[in-house]
Amino acid sequence: MAQEDAEPVRRARGWAIAELSKEDLEIFGLSELEERIAALQGEIARIRAQIDKKRAGRAAADAMFFKSS
């Protein structure tokens, strides 16, 4: 019962990358390290797409509210 009443654990933003940076890379094989790089490059692409989306939204808002007369 006590577990049902407990609130879910909230993790701070960026916790996953912090955990990744603590991992001992010596235990990984070459193919595992290459897979990890590919996964991280995919995450970088996802982040860049989000940045582009936010910049476009910001530019649209700026264009709407800061029109030159």
PDB file of N, CA and C in Angstrom:
ATOM      1  N   MET A   1       0.806  -1.205   0.000  1.00  0.00           N
ATOM      2  CA  MET A   1       0.000   0.000   0.000  1.00  0.00           C
ATOM      3  C   MET A   1       0.848   1.266   0.000  1.00  0.00           C
ATOM      4  N   ALA A   2       1.947   1.243   0.736  1.00  0.00           N
ATOM      5  CA  ALA A   2       2.776   2.439   0.837  1.00  0.00           C
ATOM      6  C   ALA A   2       3.309   2.850  -0.521  1.00  0.00           C
ATOM      7  N   GLN A   3       3.639   1.890  -1.378  1.00  0.00           N
ATOM      8  CA  GLN A   3       4.147   2.231  -2.697  1.00  0.00           C
ATOM      9  C   GLN A   3       3.081   2.886  -3.559  1.00  0.00           C
ATOM     10  N   GLU A   4       1.839   2.501  -3.406  1.00  0.00           N
ATOM     11  CA  GLU A   4       0.750   3.090  -4.182  1.00  0.00           C
ATOM     12  C   GLU A   4       0.544   4.556  -3.817  1.00  0.00           C
ATOM     13  N   ASP A   5       0.759   4.888  -2.551  1.00  0.00           N
ATOM     14  CA  ASP A   5       0.545   6.252  -2.084  1.00  0.00           C
ATOM     15  C   ASP A   5       1.724   7.169  -2.388  1.00  0.00           C
ATOM     16  N   ALA A   6       2.869   6.602  -2.667  1.00  0.00           N
ATOM     17  CA  ALA A   6       4.067   7.414  -2.903  1.00  0.00           C
ATOM     18  C   ALA A   6       3.951   8.175  -4.224  1.00  0.00           C
ATOM     19  N   GLU A   7       4.454   9.397  -4.216  1.00  0.00           N
ATOM     20  CA  GLU A   7       4.461  10.203  -5.430  1.00  0.00           C
ATOM     21  C   GLU A   7       5.551   9.690  -6.365  1.00  0.00           C
ATOM     22  N   PRO A   8       5.331   9.804  -7.676  1.00  0.00           N
ATOM     23  CA  PRO A   8       6.377   9.375  -8.605  1.00  0.00           C
ATOM     24  C   PRO A   8       7.625  10.245  -8.454  1.00  0.00           C
ATOM     25  N   VAL A   9       8.778   9.643  -8.666  1.00  0.00           N
ATOM     26  CA  VAL A   9      10.036  10.372  -8.555  1.00  0.00           C
ATOM     27  C   VAL A   9      10.180  11.287  -9.761  1.00  0.00           C
ATOM     28  N   ARG A  10      10.469  12.540  -9.502  1.00  0.00           N
ATOM     29  CA  ARG A  10      10.681  13.502 -10.582  1.00  0.00           C
ATOM     30  C   ARG A  10      12.175  13.674 -10.776  1.00  0.00           C
ATOM     31  N   ARG A  11      12.589  13.595 -12.011  1.00  0.00           N
ATOM     32  CA  ARG A  11      13.998  13.760 -12.325  1.00  0.00           C
ATOM     33  C   ARG A  11      14.218  15.165 -12.879  1.00  0.00           C
ATOM     34  N   ALA A  12      15.364  15.711 -12.573  1.00  0.00           N
ATOM     35  CA  ALA A  12      15.716  17.047 -13.063  1.00  0.00           C
ATOM     36  C   ALA A  12      15.929  16.996 -14.567  1.00  0.00           C
ATOM     37  N   ARG A  13      15.708  18.103 -15.220  1.00  0.00           N
ATOM     38  CA  ARG A  13      15.969  18.190 -16.656  1.00  0.00           C
ATOM     39  C   ARG A  13      17.432  17.876 -16.909  1.00  0.00           C
ATOM     40  N   GLY A  14      17.683  17.138 -17.968  1.00  0.00           N
ATOM     41  CA  GLY A  14      19.047  16.821 -18.339  1.00  0.00           C
ATOM     42  C   GLY A  14      19.674  15.685 -17.555  1.00  0.00           C
ATOM     43  N   TRP A  15      18.903  14.989 -16.745  1.00  0.00           N
ATOM     44  CA  TRP A  15      19.457  13.926 -15.914  1.00  0.00           C
ATOM     45  C   TRP A  15      20.061  12.798 -16.749  1.00  0.00           C
ATOM     46  N   ALA A  16      19.464  12.504 -17.905  1.00  0.00           N
ATOM     47  CA  ALA A  16      19.939  11.367 -18.704  1.00  0.00           C
ATOM     48  C   ALA A  16      21.346  11.623 -19.232  1.00  0.00           C
ATOM     49  N   ILE A  17      21.606  12.814 -19.725  1.00  0.00           N
ATOM     50  CA  ILE A  17      22.933  13.120 -20.247  1.00  0.00           C
ATOM     51  C   ILE A  17      23.955  13.132 -19.120  1.00  0.00           C
ATOM     52  N   ALA A  18      23.549  13.576 -17.956  1.00  0.00           N
ATOM     53  CA  ALA A  18      24.448  13.562 -16.803  1.00  0.00           C
ATOM     54  C   ALA A  18      24.820  12.126 -16.440  1.00  0.00           C
ATOM     55  N   GLU A  19      23.849  11.232 -16.500  1.00  0.00           N
ATOM     56  CA  GLU A  19      24.114   9.820 -16.201  1.00  0.00           C
ATOM     57  C   GLU A  19      25.014   9.196 -17.258  1.00  0.00           C
ATOM     58  N   LEU A  20      24.789   9.526 -18.525  1.00  0.00           N
ATOM     59  CA  LEU A  20      25.630   8.997 -19.601  1.00  0.00           C
ATOM     60  C   LEU A  20      27.080   9.406 -19.424  1.00  0.00           C
ATOM     61  N   SER A  21      27.302  10.627 -19.008  1.00  0.00           N
ATOM     62  CA  SER A  21      28.670  11.128 -18.887  1.00  0.00           C
ATOM     63  C   SER A  21      29.435  10.472 -17.739  1.00  0.00           C
ATOM     64  N   LYS A  22      28.729   9.814 -16.841  1.00  0.00           N
ATOM     65  CA  LYS A  22      29.376   9.135 -15.715  1.00  0.00           C
ATOM     66  C   LYS A  22      29.747   7.688 -16.034  1.00  0.00           C
ATOM     67  N   GLU A  23      29.206   7.157 -17.122  1.00  0.00           N
ATOM     68  CA  GLU A  23      29.437   5.757 -17.449  1.00  0.00           C
ATOM     69  C   GLU A  23      30.887   5.485 -17.812  1.00  0.00           C
ATOM     70  N   ASP A  24      31.395   4.337 -17.382  1.00  0.00           N
ATOM     71  CA  ASP A  24      32.757   3.918 -17.688  1.00  0.00           C
ATOM     72  C   ASP A  24      32.787   3.362 -19.105  1.00  0.00           C
ATOM     73  N   LEU A  25      33.433   4.072 -20.010  1.00  0.00           N
ATOM     74  CA  LEU A  25      33.471   3.658 -21.404  1.00  0.00           C
ATOM     75  C   LEU A  25      34.428   2.495 -21.645  1.00  0.00           C
ATOM     76  N   GLU A  26      35.287   2.210 -20.693  1.00  0.00           N
ATOM     77  CA  GLU A  26      36.236   1.108 -20.832  1.00  0.00           C
ATOM     78  C   GLU A  26      35.535  -0.241 -20.960  1.00  0.00           C
ATOM     79  N   ILE A  27      34.345  -0.371 -20.441  1.00  0.00           N
ATOM     80  CA  ILE A  27      33.653  -1.666 -20.457  1.00  0.00           C
ATOM     81  C   ILE A  27      32.957  -1.956 -21.787  1.00  0.00           C
ATOM     82  N   PHE A  28      32.879  -0.953 -22.664  1.00  0.00           N
ATOM     83  CA  PHE A  28      32.200  -1.117 -23.948  1.00  0.00           C
ATOM     84  C   PHE A  28      33.166  -1.623 -25.009  1.00  0.00           C
ATOM     85  N   GLY A  29      32.645  -2.453 -25.909  1.00  0.00           N
ATOM     86  CA  GLY A  29      33.411  -2.891 -27.054  1.00  0.00           C
ATOM     87  C   GLY A  29      33.346  -1.849 -28.155  1.00  0.00           C
ATOM     88  N   LEU A  30      34.153  -2.065 -29.178  1.00  0.00           N
ATOM     89  CA  LEU A  30      34.225  -1.120 -30.289  1.00  0.00           C
ATOM     90  C   LEU A  30      32.868  -0.917 -30.951  1.00  0.00           C
ATOM     91  N   SER A  31      32.164  -2.001 -31.249  1.00  0.00           N
ATOM     92  CA  SER A  31      30.862  -1.872 -31.917  1.00  0.00           C
ATOM     93  C   SER A  31      29.846  -1.173 -31.009  1.00  0.00           C
ATOM     94  N   GLU A  32      29.926  -1.423 -29.719  1.00  0.00           N
ATOM     95  CA  GLU A  32      29.016  -0.751 -28.781  1.00  0.00           C
ATOM     96  C   GLU A  32      29.294   0.749 -28.736  1.00  0.00           C
ATOM     97  N   LEU A  33      30.564   1.117 -28.778  1.00  0.00           N
ATOM     98  CA  LEU A  33      30.917   2.539 -28.781  1.00  0.00           C
ATOM     99  C   LEU A  33      30.445   3.210 -30.065  1.00  0.00           C
ATOM    100  N   GLU A  34      30.578   2.521 -31.187  1.00  0.00           N
ATOM    101  CA  GLU A  34      30.103   3.072 -32.459  1.00  0.00           C
ATOM    102  C   GLU A  34      28.590   3.222 -32.459  1.00  0.00           C
ATOM    103  N   GLU A  35      27.883   2.251 -31.888  1.00  0.00           N
ATOM    104  CA  GLU A  35      26.416   2.348 -31.768  1.00  0.00           C
ATOM    105  C   GLU A  35      26.027   3.517 -30.886  1.00  0.00           C
ATOM    106  N   ARG A  36      26.802   3.716 -29.840  1.00  0.00           N
ATOM    107  CA  ARG A  36      26.525   4.822 -28.920  1.00  0.00           C
ATOM    108  C   ARG A  36      26.703   6.161 -29.633  1.00  0.00           C
ATOM    109  N   ILE A  37      27.767   6.287 -30.431  1.00  0.00           N
ATOM    110  CA  ILE A  37      27.991   7.508 -31.201  1.00  0.00           C
ATOM    111  C   ILE A  37      26.828   7.750 -32.157  1.00  0.00           C
ATOM    112  N   ALA A  38      26.378   6.703 -32.842  1.00  0.00           N
ATOM    113  CA  ALA A  38      25.261   6.844 -33.778  1.00  0.00           C
ATOM    114  C   ALA A  38      24.000   7.306 -33.052  1.00  0.00           C
ATOM    115  N   ALA A  39      23.755   6.740 -31.881  1.00  0.00           N
ATOM    116  CA  ALA A  39      22.576   7.136 -31.101  1.00  0.00           C
ATOM    117  C   ALA A  39      22.687   8.588 -30.655  1.00  0.00           C
ATOM    118  N   LEU A  40      23.870   8.987 -30.228  1.00  0.00           N
ATOM    119  CA  LEU A  40      24.064  10.372 -29.791  1.00  0.00           C
ATOM    120  C   LEU A  40      23.960  11.342 -30.958  1.00  0.00           C
ATOM    121  N   GLN A  41      24.455  10.955 -32.134  1.00  0.00           N
ATOM    122  CA  GLN A  41      24.306  11.811 -33.313  1.00  0.00           C
ATOM    123  C   GLN A  41      22.838  11.961 -33.688  1.00  0.00           C
ATOM    124  N   GLY A  42      22.071  10.901 -33.530  1.00  0.00           N
ATOM    125  CA  GLY A  42      20.628  10.993 -33.764  1.00  0.00           C
ATOM    126  C   GLY A  42      19.972  11.946 -32.784  1.00  0.00           C
ATOM    127  N   GLU A  43      20.411  11.906 -31.539  1.00  0.00           N
ATOM    128  CA  GLU A  43      19.872  12.813 -30.523  1.00  0.00           C
ATOM    129  C   GLU A  43      20.268  14.258 -30.823  1.00  0.00           C
ATOM    130  N   ILE A  44      21.478  14.464 -31.294  1.00  0.00           N
ATOM    131  CA  ILE A  44      21.919  15.806 -31.680  1.00  0.00           C
ATOM    132  C   ILE A  44      21.045  16.340 -32.813  1.00  0.00           C
ATOM    133  N   ALA A  45      20.744  15.503 -33.794  1.00  0.00           N
ATOM    134  CA  ALA A  45      19.884  15.920 -34.906  1.00  0.00           C
ATOM    135  C   ALA A  45      18.487  16.280 -34.400  1.00  0.00           C
ATOM    136  N   ARG A  46      17.978  15.501 -33.464  1.00  0.00           N
ATOM    137  CA  ARG A  46      16.652  15.774 -32.888  1.00  0.00           C
ATOM    138  C   ARG A  46      16.655  17.102 -32.140  1.00  0.00           C
ATOM    139  N   ILE A  47      17.713  17.365 -31.407  1.00  0.00           N
ATOM    140  CA  ILE A  47      17.829  18.623 -30.662  1.00  0.00           C
ATOM    141  C   ILE A  47      17.945  19.804 -31.619  1.00  0.00           C
ATOM    142  N   ARG A  48      18.745  19.649 -32.673  1.00  0.00           N
ATOM    143  CA  ARG A  48      18.889  20.742 -33.647  1.00  0.00           C
ATOM    144  C   ARG A  48      17.559  21.046 -34.331  1.00  0.00           C
ATOM    145  N   ALA A  49      16.774  20.014 -34.626  1.00  0.00           N
ATOM    146  CA  ALA A  49      15.457  20.229 -35.231  1.00  0.00           C
ATOM    147  C   ALA A  49      14.555  21.010 -34.275  1.00  0.00           C
ATOM    148  N   GLN A  50      14.633  20.710 -32.987  1.00  0.00           N
ATOM    149  CA  GLN A  50      13.828  21.432 -31.998  1.00  0.00           C
ATOM    150  C   GLN A  50      14.284  22.883 -31.893  1.00  0.00           C
ATOM    151  N   ILE A  51      15.589  23.105 -31.935  1.00  0.00           N
ATOM    152  CA  ILE A  51      16.116  24.474 -31.909  1.00  0.00           C
ATOM    153  C   ILE A  51      15.616  25.258 -33.117  1.00  0.00           C
ATOM    154  N   ASP A  52      15.680  24.647 -34.295  1.00  0.00           N
ATOM    155  CA  ASP A  52      15.196  25.307 -35.513  1.00  0.00           C
ATOM    156  C   ASP A  52      13.714  25.655 -35.396  1.00  0.00           C
ATOM    157  N   LYS A  53      12.938  24.740 -34.837  1.00  0.00           N
ATOM    158  CA  LYS A  53      11.501  24.962 -34.658  1.00  0.00           C
ATOM    159  C   LYS A  53      11.256  26.146 -33.714  1.00  0.00           C
ATOM    160  N   LYS A  54      12.005  26.196 -32.628  1.00  0.00           N
ATOM    161  CA  LYS A  54      11.840  27.286 -31.670  1.00  0.00           C
ATOM    162  C   LYS A  54      12.289  28.623 -32.267  1.00  0.00           C
ATOM    163  N   ARG A  55      13.378  28.601 -33.025  1.00  0.00           N
ATOM    164  CA  ARG A  55      13.841  29.839 -33.672  1.00  0.00           C
ATOM    165  C   ARG A  55      12.813  30.350 -34.673  1.00  0.00           C
ATOM    166  N   ALA A  56      12.214  29.433 -35.423  1.00  0.00           N
ATOM    167  CA  ALA A  56      11.195  29.832 -36.396  1.00  0.00           C
ATOM    168  C   ALA A  56       9.983  30.435 -35.686  1.00  0.00           C
ATOM    169  N   GLY A  57       9.579  29.838 -34.583  1.00  0.00           N
ATOM    170  CA  GLY A  57       8.460  30.372 -33.809  1.00  0.00           C
ATOM    171  C   GLY A  57       8.781  31.743 -33.247  1.00  0.00           C
ATOM    172  N   ARG A  58      10.003  31.890 -32.774  1.00  0.00           N
ATOM    173  CA  ARG A  58      10.431  33.179 -32.232  1.00  0.00           C
ATOM    174  C   ARG A  58      10.467  34.237 -33.327  1.00  0.00           C
ATOM    175  N   ALA A  59      10.984  33.874 -34.505  1.00  0.00           N
ATOM    176  CA  ALA A  59      11.047  34.816 -35.630  1.00  0.00           C
ATOM    177  C   ALA A  59       9.646  35.234 -36.061  1.00  0.00           C
ATOM    178  N   ALA A  60       8.718  34.292 -36.065  1.00  0.00           N
ATOM    179  CA  ALA A  60       7.336  34.616 -36.433  1.00  0.00           C
ATOM    180  C   ALA A  60       6.718  35.569 -35.418  1.00  0.00           C
ATOM    181  N   ALA A  61       6.970  35.327 -34.143  1.00  0.00           N
ATOM    182  CA  ALA A  61       6.442  36.210 -33.095  1.00  0.00           C
ATOM    183  C   ALA A  61       7.068  37.589 -33.197  1.00  0.00           C
ATOM    184  N   ASP A  62       8.378  37.625 -33.410  1.00  0.00           N
ATOM    185  CA  ASP A  62       9.048  38.924 -33.559  1.00  0.00           C
ATOM    186  C   ASP A  62       8.495  39.694 -34.749  1.00  0.00           C
ATOM    187  N   ALA A  63       8.267  38.992 -35.849  1.00  0.00           N
ATOM    188  CA  ALA A  63       7.736  39.642 -37.050  1.00  0.00           C
ATOM    189  C   ALA A  63       6.347  40.202 -36.791  1.00  0.00           C
ATOM    190  N   MET A  64       5.560  39.508 -35.988  1.00  0.00           N
ATOM    191  CA  MET A  64       4.196  39.943 -35.710  1.00  0.00           C
ATOM    192  C   MET A  64       4.170  41.132 -34.755  1.00  0.00           C
ATOM    193  N   PHE A  65       4.985  41.102 -33.721  1.00  0.00           N
ATOM    194  CA  PHE A  65       4.924  42.118 -32.684  1.00  0.00           C
ATOM    195  C   PHE A  65       5.873  43.298 -32.895  1.00  0.00           C
ATOM    196  N   PHE A  66       6.862  43.119 -33.729  1.00  0.00           N
ATOM    197  CA  PHE A  66       7.844  44.182 -33.922  1.00  0.00           C
ATOM    198  C   PHE A  66       7.913  44.620 -35.378  1.00  0.00           C
ATOM    199  N   LYS A  67       6.741  44.761 -35.991  1.00  0.00           N
ATOM    200  CA  LYS A  67       6.681  45.234 -37.376  1.00  0.00           C
ATOM    201  C   LYS A  67       7.206  46.648 -37.437  1.00  0.00           C
ATOM    202  N   SER A  68       8.030  46.927 -38.436  1.00  0.00           N
ATOM    203  CA  SER A  68       8.510  48.306 -38.598  1.00  0.00           C
ATOM    204  C   SER A  68       7.458  49.089 -39.372  1.00  0.00           C
ATOM    205  N   SER A  69       7.184  50.272 -38.930  1.00  0.00           N
ATOM    206  CA  SER A  69       6.145  51.097 -39.552  1.00  0.00           C
ATOM    207  C   SER A  69       6.717  52.071 -40.535  1.00  0.00           C
TER     208      SER A  69
END
